[in-house]
Amino acid sequence: LFDVLGVVPVFPGGANGLGNERGEVLPDCYLIPSESTAEDFAYSLH
């Protein structure tokens, strides 16, 4: 996944630090394609 395919793990942060409105801290970690941009990451969220 990481070496051959080049997948990149990225954590979505929250507007008030790491948590969300439910009190969860960094609940998600996205595995997205190599060379993804910040905009690509936004699209992977929704």
ModelCIF file with pLDDT and N, C-alpha, C, O atoms, coordinates in Angstrom:
data_MODEL
#
_entry.id   MODEL 
#
_entity.id                         1 
_entity.type                       polymer 
_entity.pdbx_number_of_molecules   1 
#
_entity_poly.entity_id                      1 
_entity_poly.type                           'polypeptide(L)' 
_entity_poly.nstd_linkage                   no 
_entity_poly.nstd_monomer                   no 
_entity_poly.pdbx_seq_one_letter_code       LFDVLGVVPVFPGGANGLGNERGEVLPDCYLIPSESTAEDFAYSLH 
_entity_poly.pdbx_seq_one_letter_code_can   LFDVLGVVPVFPGGANGLGNERGEVLPDCYLIPSESTAEDFAYSLH 
_entity_poly.pdbx_strand_id                 A 
#
loop_
_entity_poly_seq.entity_id 
_entity_poly_seq.num 
_entity_poly_seq.mon_id 
_entity_poly_seq.hetero 
1 1  LEU n 
1 2  PHE n 
1 3  ASP n 
1 4  VAL n 
1 5  LEU n 
1 6  GLY n 
1 7  VAL n 
1 8  VAL n 
1 9  PRO n 
1 10 VAL n 
1 11 PHE n 
1 12 PRO n 
1 13 GLY n 
1 14 GLY n 
1 15 ALA n 
1 16 ASN n 
1 17 GLY n 
1 18 LEU n 
1 19 GLY n 
1 20 ASN n 
1 21 GLU n 
1 22 ARG n 
1 23 GLY n 
1 24 GLU n 
1 25 VAL n 
1 26 LEU n 
1 27 PRO n 
1 28 ASP n 
1 29 CYS n 
1 30 TYR n 
1 31 LEU n 
1 32 ILE n 
1 33 PRO n 
1 34 SER n 
1 35 GLU n 
1 36 SER n 
1 37 THR n 
1 38 ALA n 
1 39 GLU n 
1 40 ASP n 
1 41 PHE n 
1 42 ALA n 
1 43 TYR n 
1 44 SER n 
1 45 LEU n 
1 46 HIS n 
#
_struct_asym.id          A 
_struct_asym.entity_id   1 
#
loop_
_ma_qa_metric.id 
_ma_qa_metric.mode 
_ma_qa_metric.name 
_ma_qa_metric.software_group_id 
_ma_qa_metric.type 
1 global pLDDT . pLDDT 
2 local  pLDDT . pLDDT 
#
_ma_qa_metric_global.metric_id      1 
_ma_qa_metric_global.metric_value   87.13 
_ma_qa_metric_global.model_id       1 
_ma_qa_metric_global.ordinal_id     1 
#
loop_
_ma_qa_metric_local.label_asym_id 
_ma_qa_metric_local.label_comp_id 
_ma_qa_metric_local.label_seq_id 
_ma_qa_metric_local.metric_id 
_ma_qa_metric_local.metric_value 
_ma_qa_metric_local.model_id 
_ma_qa_metric_local.ordinal_id 
A LEU 1  2 97.00 1 1  
A PHE 2  2 97.00 1 2  
A ASP 3  2 96.00 1 3  
A VAL 4  2 95.00 1 4  
A LEU 5  2 94.00 1 5  
A GLY 6  2 94.00 1 6  
A VAL 7  2 96.00 1 7  
A VAL 8  2 97.00 1 8  
A PRO 9  2 97.00 1 9  
A VAL 10 2 96.00 1 10 
A PHE 11 2 96.00 1 11 
A PRO 12 2 94.00 1 12 
A GLY 13 2 89.00 1 13 
A GLY 14 2 71.00 1 14 
A ALA 15 2 55.00 1 15 
A ASN 16 2 54.00 1 16 
A GLY 17 2 54.00 1 17 
A LEU 18 2 60.00 1 18 
A GLY 19 2 56.00 1 19 
A ASN 20 2 60.00 1 20 
A GLU 21 2 61.00 1 21 
A ARG 22 2 67.00 1 22 
A GLY 23 2 72.00 1 23 
A GLU 24 2 83.00 1 24 
A VAL 25 2 90.00 1 25 
A LEU 26 2 92.00 1 26 
A PRO 27 2 92.00 1 27 
A ASP 28 2 93.00 1 28 
A CYS 29 2 95.00 1 29 
A TYR 30 2 96.00 1 30 
A LEU 31 2 96.00 1 31 
A ILE 32 2 95.00 1 32 
A PRO 33 2 94.00 1 33 
A SER 34 2 91.00 1 34 
A GLU 35 2 93.00 1 35 
A SER 36 2 96.00 1 36 
A THR 37 2 97.00 1 37 
A ALA 38 2 97.00 1 38 
A GLU 39 2 97.00 1 39 
A ASP 40 2 96.00 1 40 
A PHE 41 2 96.00 1 41 
A ALA 42 2 96.00 1 42 
A TYR 43 2 95.00 1 43 
A SER 44 2 94.00 1 44 
A LEU 45 2 93.00 1 45 
A HIS 46 2 93.00 1 46 
#
loop_
_atom_site.group_PDB 
_atom_site.id 
_atom_site.type_symbol 
_atom_site.label_atom_id 
_atom_site.label_alt_id 
_atom_site.label_comp_id 
_atom_site.label_asym_id 
_atom_site.label_entity_id 
_atom_site.label_seq_id 
_atom_site.pdbx_PDB_ins_code 
_atom_site.Cartn_x 
_atom_site.Cartn_y 
_atom_site.Cartn_z 
_atom_site.occupancy 
_atom_site.B_iso_or_equiv 
_atom_site.pdbx_formal_charge 
_atom_site.auth_seq_id 
_atom_site.auth_comp_id 
_atom_site.auth_asym_id 
_atom_site.auth_atom_id 
_atom_site.pdbx_PDB_model_num 
ATOM 1   N N  . LEU A 1 1  ? 0.816   -1.214 0.000  1.00 97.00 ? 1  LEU A N  1 
ATOM 2   C CA . LEU A 1 1  ? 0.000   0.000  0.000  1.00 97.00 ? 1  LEU A CA 1 
ATOM 3   C C  . LEU A 1 1  ? 0.852   1.268  0.000  1.00 97.00 ? 1  LEU A C  1 
ATOM 4   O O  . LEU A 1 1  ? 0.622   2.172  -0.803 1.00 97.00 ? 1  LEU A O  1 
ATOM 5   N N  . PHE A 1 2  ? 1.839   1.337  0.902  1.00 97.00 ? 2  PHE A N  1 
ATOM 6   C CA . PHE A 1 2  ? 2.595   2.577  1.077  1.00 97.00 ? 2  PHE A CA 1 
ATOM 7   C C  . PHE A 1 2  ? 3.796   2.689  0.147  1.00 97.00 ? 2  PHE A C  1 
ATOM 8   O O  . PHE A 1 2  ? 4.022   3.743  -0.448 1.00 97.00 ? 2  PHE A O  1 
ATOM 9   N N  . ASP A 1 3  ? 4.570   1.608  0.017  1.00 96.00 ? 3  ASP A N  1 
ATOM 10  C CA . ASP A 1 3  ? 5.809   1.688  -0.767 1.00 96.00 ? 3  ASP A CA 1 
ATOM 11  C C  . ASP A 1 3  ? 5.550   1.514  -2.259 1.00 96.00 ? 3  ASP A C  1 
ATOM 12  O O  . ASP A 1 3  ? 6.069   2.278  -3.073 1.00 96.00 ? 3  ASP A O  1 
ATOM 13  N N  . VAL A 1 4  ? 4.754   0.516  -2.619 1.00 95.00 ? 4  VAL A N  1 
ATOM 14  C CA . VAL A 1 4  ? 4.552   0.207  -4.041 1.00 95.00 ? 4  VAL A CA 1 
ATOM 15  C C  . VAL A 1 4  ? 3.455   1.082  -4.641 1.00 95.00 ? 4  VAL A C  1 
ATOM 16  O O  . VAL A 1 4  ? 3.637   1.649  -5.719 1.00 95.00 ? 4  VAL A O  1 
ATOM 17  N N  . LEU A 1 5  ? 2.316   1.197  -3.952 1.00 94.00 ? 5  LEU A N  1 
ATOM 18  C CA . LEU A 1 5  ? 1.205   1.991  -4.493 1.00 94.00 ? 5  LEU A CA 1 
ATOM 19  C C  . LEU A 1 5  ? 1.361   3.473  -4.154 1.00 94.00 ? 5  LEU A C  1 
ATOM 20  O O  . LEU A 1 5  ? 0.808   4.331  -4.841 1.00 94.00 ? 5  LEU A O  1 
ATOM 21  N N  . GLY A 1 6  ? 2.108   3.769  -3.101 1.00 94.00 ? 6  GLY A N  1 
ATOM 22  C CA . GLY A 1 6  ? 2.370   5.173  -2.754 1.00 94.00 ? 6  GLY A CA 1 
ATOM 23  C C  . GLY A 1 6  ? 1.229   5.870  -2.046 1.00 94.00 ? 6  GLY A C  1 
ATOM 24  O O  . GLY A 1 6  ? 1.132   7.096  -2.083 1.00 94.00 ? 6  GLY A O  1 
ATOM 25  N N  . VAL A 1 7  ? 0.356   5.098  -1.396 1.00 96.00 ? 7  VAL A N  1 
ATOM 26  C CA . VAL A 1 7  ? -0.792  5.679  -0.703 1.00 96.00 ? 7  VAL A CA 1 
ATOM 27  C C  . VAL A 1 7  ? -0.320  6.554  0.469  1.00 96.00 ? 7  VAL A C  1 
ATOM 28  O O  . VAL A 1 7  ? 0.663   6.234  1.138  1.00 96.00 ? 7  VAL A O  1 
ATOM 29  N N  . VAL A 1 8  ? -1.045  7.670  0.708  1.00 97.00 ? 8  VAL A N  1 
ATOM 30  C CA . VAL A 1 8  ? -0.656  8.641  1.736  1.00 97.00 ? 8  VAL A CA 1 
ATOM 31  C C  . VAL A 1 8  ? -1.730  8.689  2.833  1.00 97.00 ? 8  VAL A C  1 
ATOM 32  O O  . VAL A 1 8  ? -2.898  8.932  2.531  1.00 97.00 ? 8  VAL A O  1 
ATOM 33  N N  . PRO A 1 9  ? -1.356  8.462  4.103  1.00 97.00 ? 9  PRO A N  1 
ATOM 34  C CA . PRO A 1 9  ? -2.329  8.608  5.195  1.00 97.00 ? 9  PRO A CA 1 
ATOM 35  C C  . PRO A 1 9  ? -2.429  10.069 5.636  1.00 97.00 ? 9  PRO A C  1 
ATOM 36  O O  . PRO A 1 9  ? -1.417  10.719 5.899  1.00 97.00 ? 9  PRO A O  1 
ATOM 37  N N  . VAL A 1 10 ? -3.674  10.580 5.714  1.00 96.00 ? 10 VAL A N  1 
ATOM 38  C CA . VAL A 1 10 ? -3.904  11.976 6.111  1.00 96.00 ? 10 VAL A CA 1 
ATOM 39  C C  . VAL A 1 10 ? -5.037  12.012 7.140  1.00 96.00 ? 10 VAL A C  1 
ATOM 40  O O  . VAL A 1 10 ? -6.055  11.337 6.982  1.00 96.00 ? 10 VAL A O  1 
ATOM 41  N N  . PHE A 1 11 ? -4.841  12.817 8.204  1.00 96.00 ? 11 PHE A N  1 
ATOM 42  C CA . PHE A 1 11 ? -5.849  12.980 9.249  1.00 96.00 ? 11 PHE A CA 1 
ATOM 43  C C  . PHE A 1 11 ? -6.621  14.285 9.014  1.00 96.00 ? 11 PHE A C  1 
ATOM 44  O O  . PHE A 1 11 ? -5.998  15.338 8.879  1.00 96.00 ? 11 PHE A O  1 
ATOM 45  N N  . PRO A 1 12 ? -7.955  14.245 8.962  1.00 94.00 ? 12 PRO A N  1 
ATOM 46  C CA . PRO A 1 12 ? -8.722  15.493 8.905  1.00 94.00 ? 12 PRO A CA 1 
ATOM 47  C C  . PRO A 1 12 ? -8.772  16.136 10.288 1.00 94.00 ? 12 PRO A C  1 
ATOM 48  O O  . PRO A 1 12 ? -9.208  15.506 11.251 1.00 94.00 ? 12 PRO A O  1 
ATOM 49  N N  . GLY A 1 13 ? -8.325  17.391 10.391 1.00 89.00 ? 13 GLY A N  1 
ATOM 50  C CA . GLY A 1 13 ? -8.415  18.134 11.642 1.00 89.00 ? 13 GLY A CA 1 
ATOM 51  C C  . GLY A 1 13 ? -9.755  18.843 11.728 1.00 89.00 ? 13 GLY A C  1 
ATOM 52  O O  . GLY A 1 13 ? -10.476 18.955 10.737 1.00 89.00 ? 13 GLY A O  1 
ATOM 53  N N  . GLY A 1 14 ? -10.081 19.316 12.913 1.00 71.00 ? 14 GLY A N  1 
ATOM 54  C CA . GLY A 1 14 ? -11.364 19.987 13.104 1.00 71.00 ? 14 GLY A CA 1 
ATOM 55  C C  . GLY A 1 14 ? -11.199 21.491 13.209 1.00 71.00 ? 14 GLY A C  1 
ATOM 56  O O  . GLY A 1 14 ? -10.084 21.997 13.339 1.00 71.00 ? 14 GLY A O  1 
ATOM 57  N N  . ALA A 1 15 ? -12.316 22.202 13.152 1.00 55.00 ? 15 ALA A N  1 
ATOM 58  C CA . ALA A 1 15 ? -12.292 23.668 13.217 1.00 55.00 ? 15 ALA A CA 1 
ATOM 59  C C  . ALA A 1 15 ? -11.807 24.155 14.585 1.00 55.00 ? 15 ALA A C  1 
ATOM 60  O O  . ALA A 1 15 ? -11.242 25.242 14.699 1.00 55.00 ? 15 ALA A O  1 
ATOM 61  N N  . ASN A 1 16 ? -12.035 23.335 15.627 1.00 54.00 ? 16 ASN A N  1 
ATOM 62  C CA . ASN A 1 16 ? -11.610 23.721 16.980 1.00 54.00 ? 16 ASN A CA 1 
ATOM 63  C C  . ASN A 1 16 ? -10.493 22.798 17.455 1.00 54.00 ? 16 ASN A C  1 
ATOM 64  O O  . ASN A 1 16 ? -10.577 22.215 18.536 1.00 54.00 ? 16 ASN A O  1 
ATOM 65  N N  . GLY A 1 17 ? -9.454  22.670 16.646 1.00 54.00 ? 17 GLY A N  1 
ATOM 66  C CA . GLY A 1 17 ? -8.379  21.748 17.001 1.00 54.00 ? 17 GLY A CA 1 
ATOM 67  C C  . GLY A 1 17 ? -8.610  20.395 16.368 1.00 54.00 ? 17 GLY A C  1 
ATOM 68  O O  . GLY A 1 17 ? -9.070  20.317 15.229 1.00 54.00 ? 17 GLY A O  1 
ATOM 69  N N  . LEU A 1 18 ? -8.292  19.309 17.097 1.00 60.00 ? 18 LEU A N  1 
ATOM 70  C CA . LEU A 1 18 ? -8.378  17.965 16.518 1.00 60.00 ? 18 LEU A CA 1 
ATOM 71  C C  . LEU A 1 18 ? -9.751  17.336 16.667 1.00 60.00 ? 18 LEU A C  1 
ATOM 72  O O  . LEU A 1 18 ? -10.098 16.411 15.932 1.00 60.00 ? 18 LEU A O  1 
ATOM 73  N N  . GLY A 1 19 ? -10.541 17.837 17.625 1.00 56.00 ? 19 GLY A N  1 
ATOM 74  C CA . GLY A 1 19 ? -11.805 17.182 17.921 1.00 56.00 ? 19 GLY A CA 1 
ATOM 75  C C  . GLY A 1 19 ? -12.934 17.659 17.024 1.00 56.00 ? 19 GLY A C  1 
ATOM 76  O O  . GLY A 1 19 ? -12.792 18.624 16.273 1.00 56.00 ? 19 GLY A O  1 
ATOM 77  N N  . ASN A 1 20 ? -14.067 16.956 17.118 1.00 60.00 ? 20 ASN A N  1 
ATOM 78  C CA . ASN A 1 20 ? -15.273 17.393 16.405 1.00 60.00 ? 20 ASN A CA 1 
ATOM 79  C C  . ASN A 1 20 ? -16.360 17.696 17.440 1.00 60.00 ? 20 ASN A C  1 
ATOM 80  O O  . ASN A 1 20 ? -16.129 17.646 18.648 1.00 60.00 ? 20 ASN A O  1 
ATOM 81  N N  . GLU A 1 21 ? -17.553 18.010 16.925 1.00 61.00 ? 21 GLU A N  1 
ATOM 82  C CA . GLU A 1 21 ? -18.628 18.421 17.841 1.00 61.00 ? 21 GLU A CA 1 
ATOM 83  C C  . GLU A 1 21 ? -19.064 17.286 18.770 1.00 61.00 ? 21 GLU A C  1 
ATOM 84  O O  . GLU A 1 21 ? -19.695 17.540 19.796 1.00 61.00 ? 21 GLU A O  1 
ATOM 85  N N  . ARG A 1 22 ? -18.737 16.046 18.425 1.00 67.00 ? 22 ARG A N  1 
ATOM 86  C CA . ARG A 1 22 ? -19.097 14.910 19.281 1.00 67.00 ? 22 ARG A CA 1 
ATOM 87  C C  . ARG A 1 22 ? -18.013 14.597 20.307 1.00 67.00 ? 22 ARG A C  1 
ATOM 88  O O  . ARG A 1 22 ? -18.132 13.646 21.080 1.00 67.00 ? 22 ARG A O  1 
ATOM 89  N N  . GLY A 1 23 ? -16.944 15.416 20.306 1.00 72.00 ? 23 GLY A N  1 
ATOM 90  C CA . GLY A 1 23 ? -15.874 15.188 21.283 1.00 72.00 ? 23 GLY A CA 1 
ATOM 91  C C  . GLY A 1 23 ? -14.871 14.133 20.852 1.00 72.00 ? 23 GLY A C  1 
ATOM 92  O O  . GLY A 1 23 ? -13.995 13.758 21.631 1.00 72.00 ? 23 GLY A O  1 
ATOM 93  N N  . GLU A 1 24 ? -14.988 13.643 19.605 1.00 83.00 ? 24 GLU A N  1 
ATOM 94  C CA . GLU A 1 24 ? -14.038 12.639 19.109 1.00 83.00 ? 24 GLU A CA 1 
ATOM 95  C C  . GLU A 1 24 ? -12.749 13.347 18.672 1.00 83.00 ? 24 GLU A C  1 
ATOM 96  O O  . GLU A 1 24 ? -12.790 14.441 18.109 1.00 83.00 ? 24 GLU A O  1 
ATOM 97  N N  . VAL A 1 25 ? -11.623 12.715 18.937 1.00 90.00 ? 25 VAL A N  1 
ATOM 98  C CA . VAL A 1 25 ? -10.325 13.288 18.571 1.00 90.00 ? 25 VAL A CA 1 
ATOM 99  C C  . VAL A 1 25 ? -9.743  12.500 17.391 1.00 90.00 ? 25 VAL A C  1 
ATOM 100 O O  . VAL A 1 25 ? -9.559  11.286 17.473 1.00 90.00 ? 25 VAL A O  1 
ATOM 101 N N  . LEU A 1 26 ? -9.455  13.213 16.290 1.00 92.00 ? 26 LEU A N  1 
ATOM 102 C CA . LEU A 1 26 ? -8.934  12.570 15.066 1.00 92.00 ? 26 LEU A CA 1 
ATOM 103 C C  . LEU A 1 26 ? -9.645  11.243 14.797 1.00 92.00 ? 26 LEU A C  1 
ATOM 104 O O  . LEU A 1 26 ? -8.995  10.199 14.741 1.00 92.00 ? 26 LEU A O  1 
ATOM 105 N N  . PRO A 1 27 ? -10.967 11.269 14.630 1.00 92.00 ? 27 PRO A N  1 
ATOM 106 C CA . PRO A 1 27 ? -11.683 10.002 14.443 1.00 92.00 ? 27 PRO A CA 1 
ATOM 107 C C  . PRO A 1 27 ? -11.334 9.290  13.142 1.00 92.00 ? 27 PRO A C  1 
ATOM 108 O O  . PRO A 1 27 ? -11.483 8.072  13.033 1.00 92.00 ? 27 PRO A O  1 
ATOM 109 N N  . ASP A 1 28 ? -10.868 10.059 12.152 1.00 93.00 ? 28 ASP A N  1 
ATOM 110 C CA . ASP A 1 28 ? -10.634 9.460  10.833 1.00 93.00 ? 28 ASP A CA 1 
ATOM 111 C C  . ASP A 1 28 ? -9.177  9.560  10.404 1.00 93.00 ? 28 ASP A C  1 
ATOM 112 O O  . ASP A 1 28 ? -8.455  10.483 10.781 1.00 93.00 ? 28 ASP A O  1 
ATOM 113 N N  . CYS A 1 29 ? -8.774  8.590  9.613  1.00 95.00 ? 29 CYS A N  1 
ATOM 114 C CA . CYS A 1 29 ? -7.493  8.646  8.908  1.00 95.00 ? 29 CYS A CA 1 
ATOM 115 C C  . CYS A 1 29 ? -7.767  8.158  7.495  1.00 95.00 ? 29 CYS A C  1 
ATOM 116 O O  . CYS A 1 29 ? -8.162  7.011  7.288  1.00 95.00 ? 29 CYS A O  1 
ATOM 117 N N  . TYR A 1 30 ? -7.556  9.036  6.531  1.00 96.00 ? 30 TYR A N  1 
ATOM 118 C CA . TYR A 1 30 ? -7.845  8.708  5.135  1.00 96.00 ? 30 TYR A CA 1 
ATOM 119 C C  . TYR A 1 30 ? -6.580  8.200  4.446  1.00 96.00 ? 30 TYR A C  1 
ATOM 120 O O  . TYR A 1 30 ? -5.493  8.743  4.644  1.00 96.00 ? 30 TYR A O  1 
ATOM 121 N N  . LEU A 1 31 ? -6.733  7.170  3.648  1.00 96.00 ? 31 LEU A N  1 
ATOM 122 C CA . LEU A 1 31 ? -5.636  6.662  2.820  1.00 96.00 ? 31 LEU A CA 1 
ATOM 123 C C  . LEU A 1 31 ? -5.920  7.109  1.403  1.00 96.00 ? 31 LEU A C  1 
ATOM 124 O O  . LEU A 1 31 ? -6.827  6.586  0.756  1.00 96.00 ? 31 LEU A O  1 
ATOM 125 N N  . ILE A 1 32 ? -5.150  8.077  0.909  1.00 95.00 ? 32 ILE A N  1 
ATOM 126 C CA . ILE A 1 32 ? -5.469  8.673  -0.387 1.00 95.00 ? 32 ILE A CA 1 
ATOM 127 C C  . ILE A 1 32 ? -4.309  8.474  -1.368 1.00 95.00 ? 32 ILE A C  1 
ATOM 128 O O  . ILE A 1 32 ? -3.176  8.240  -0.948 1.00 95.00 ? 32 ILE A O  1 
ATOM 129 N N  . PRO A 1 33 ? -4.587  8.566  -2.667 1.00 94.00 ? 33 PRO A N  1 
ATOM 130 C CA . PRO A 1 33 ? -3.550  8.276  -3.668 1.00 94.00 ? 33 PRO A CA 1 
ATOM 131 C C  . PRO A 1 33 ? -2.341  9.196  -3.561 1.00 94.00 ? 33 PRO A C  1 
ATOM 132 O O  . PRO A 1 33 ? -2.442  10.320 -3.069 1.00 94.00 ? 33 PRO A O  1 
ATOM 133 N N  . SER A 1 34 ? -1.210  8.711  -4.021 1.00 91.00 ? 34 SER A N  1 
ATOM 134 C CA . SER A 1 34 ? 0.007   9.522  -4.015 1.00 91.00 ? 34 SER A CA 1 
ATOM 135 C C  . SER A 1 34 ? -0.193  10.760 -4.877 1.00 91.00 ? 34 SER A C  1 
ATOM 136 O O  . SER A 1 34 ? -0.989  10.756 -5.816 1.00 91.00 ? 34 SER A O  1 
ATOM 137 N N  . GLU A 1 35 ? 0.535   11.816 -4.547 1.00 93.00 ? 35 GLU A N  1 
ATOM 138 C CA . GLU A 1 35 ? 0.495   13.089 -5.268 1.00 93.00 ? 35 GLU A CA 1 
ATOM 139 C C  . GLU A 1 35 ? -0.869  13.782 -5.178 1.00 93.00 ? 35 GLU A C  1 
ATOM 140 O O  . GLU A 1 35 ? -1.187  14.635 -6.006 1.00 93.00 ? 35 GLU A O  1 
ATOM 141 N N  . SER A 1 36 ? -1.672  13.415 -4.175 1.00 96.00 ? 36 SER A N  1 
ATOM 142 C CA . SER A 1 36 ? -2.952  14.106 -3.982 1.00 96.00 ? 36 SER A CA 1 
ATOM 143 C C  . SER A 1 36 ? -2.700  15.515 -3.450 1.00 96.00 ? 36 SER A C  1 
ATOM 144 O O  . SER A 1 36 ? -1.753  15.759 -2.702 1.00 96.00 ? 36 SER A O  1 
ATOM 145 N N  . THR A 1 37 ? -3.572  16.432 -3.856 1.00 97.00 ? 37 THR A N  1 
ATOM 146 C CA . THR A 1 37 ? -3.474  17.823 -3.387 1.00 97.00 ? 37 THR A CA 1 
ATOM 147 C C  . THR A 1 37 ? -4.464  18.042 -2.240 1.00 97.00 ? 37 THR A C  1 
ATOM 148 O O  . THR A 1 37 ? -5.273  17.170 -1.923 1.00 97.00 ? 37 THR A O  1 
ATOM 149 N N  . ALA A 1 38 ? -4.381  19.220 -1.629 1.00 97.00 ? 38 ALA A N  1 
ATOM 150 C CA . ALA A 1 38 ? -5.327  19.583 -0.568 1.00 97.00 ? 38 ALA A CA 1 
ATOM 151 C C  . ALA A 1 38 ? -6.759  19.554 -1.111 1.00 97.00 ? 38 ALA A C  1 
ATOM 152 O O  . ALA A 1 38 ? -7.686  19.147 -0.411 1.00 97.00 ? 38 ALA A O  1 
ATOM 153 N N  . GLU A 1 39 ? -6.932  19.988 -2.361 1.00 97.00 ? 39 GLU A N  1 
ATOM 154 C CA . GLU A 1 39 ? -8.275  19.960 -2.961 1.00 97.00 ? 39 GLU A CA 1 
ATOM 155 C C  . GLU A 1 39 ? -8.741  18.518 -3.183 1.00 97.00 ? 39 GLU A C  1 
ATOM 156 O O  . GLU A 1 39 ? -9.905  18.197 -2.943 1.00 97.00 ? 39 GLU A O  1 
ATOM 157 N N  . ASP A 1 40 ? -7.822  17.640 -3.646 1.00 96.00 ? 40 ASP A N  1 
ATOM 158 C CA . ASP A 1 40 ? -8.168  16.214 -3.796 1.00 96.00 ? 40 ASP A CA 1 
ATOM 159 C C  . ASP A 1 40 ? -8.619  15.640 -2.459 1.00 96.00 ? 40 ASP A C  1 
ATOM 160 O O  . ASP A 1 40 ? -9.593  14.892 -2.381 1.00 96.00 ? 40 ASP A O  1 
ATOM 161 N N  . PHE A 1 41 ? -7.883  16.011 -1.402 1.00 96.00 ? 41 PHE A N  1 
ATOM 162 C CA . PHE A 1 41 ? -8.220  15.527 -0.061 1.00 96.00 ? 41 PHE A CA 1 
ATOM 163 C C  . PHE A 1 41 ? -9.623  15.998 0.327  1.00 96.00 ? 41 PHE A C  1 
ATOM 164 O O  . PHE A 1 41 ? -10.397 15.236 0.906  1.00 96.00 ? 41 PHE A O  1 
ATOM 165 N N  . ALA A 1 42 ? -9.949  17.254 0.009  1.00 96.00 ? 42 ALA A N  1 
ATOM 166 C CA . ALA A 1 42 ? -11.287 17.778 0.303  1.00 96.00 ? 42 ALA A CA 1 
ATOM 167 C C  . ALA A 1 42 ? -12.355 16.943 -0.394 1.00 96.00 ? 42 ALA A C  1 
ATOM 168 O O  . ALA A 1 42 ? -13.392 16.639 0.194  1.00 96.00 ? 42 ALA A O  1 
ATOM 169 N N  . TYR A 1 43 ? -12.101 16.574 -1.649 1.00 95.00 ? 43 TYR A N  1 
ATOM 170 C CA . TYR A 1 43 ? -13.062 15.749 -2.390 1.00 95.00 ? 43 TYR A CA 1 
ATOM 171 C C  . TYR A 1 43 ? -13.173 14.346 -1.798 1.00 95.00 ? 43 TYR A C  1 
ATOM 172 O O  . TYR A 1 43 ? -14.238 13.730 -1.847 1.00 95.00 ? 43 TYR A O  1 
ATOM 173 N N  . SER A 1 44 ? -12.073 13.845 -1.238 1.00 94.00 ? 44 SER A N  1 
ATOM 174 C CA . SER A 1 44 ? -12.141 12.508 -0.625 1.00 94.00 ? 44 SER A CA 1 
ATOM 175 C C  . SER A 1 44 ? -13.002 12.543 0.643  1.00 94.00 ? 44 SER A C  1 
ATOM 176 O O  . SER A 1 44 ? -13.574 11.526 1.035  1.00 94.00 ? 44 SER A O  1 
ATOM 177 N N  . LEU A 1 45 ? -13.092 13.722 1.285  1.00 93.00 ? 45 LEU A N  1 
ATOM 178 C CA . LEU A 1 45 ? -13.966 13.861 2.454  1.00 93.00 ? 45 LEU A CA 1 
ATOM 179 C C  . LEU A 1 45 ? -15.434 13.849 2.020  1.00 93.00 ? 45 LEU A C  1 
ATOM 180 O O  . LEU A 1 45 ? -16.260 13.140 2.595  1.00 93.00 ? 45 LEU A O  1 
ATOM 181 N N  . HIS A 1 46 ? -15.742 14.651 0.991  1.00 93.00 ? 46 HIS A N  1 
ATOM 182 C CA . HIS A 1 46 ? -17.107 14.700 0.449  1.00 93.00 ? 46 HIS A CA 1 
ATOM 183 C C  . HIS A 1 46 ? -17.078 15.590 -0.794 1.00 93.00 ? 46 HIS A C  1 
ATOM 184 O O  . HIS A 1 46 ? -18.111 15.791 -1.433 1.00 93.00 ? 46 HIS A O  1 
#
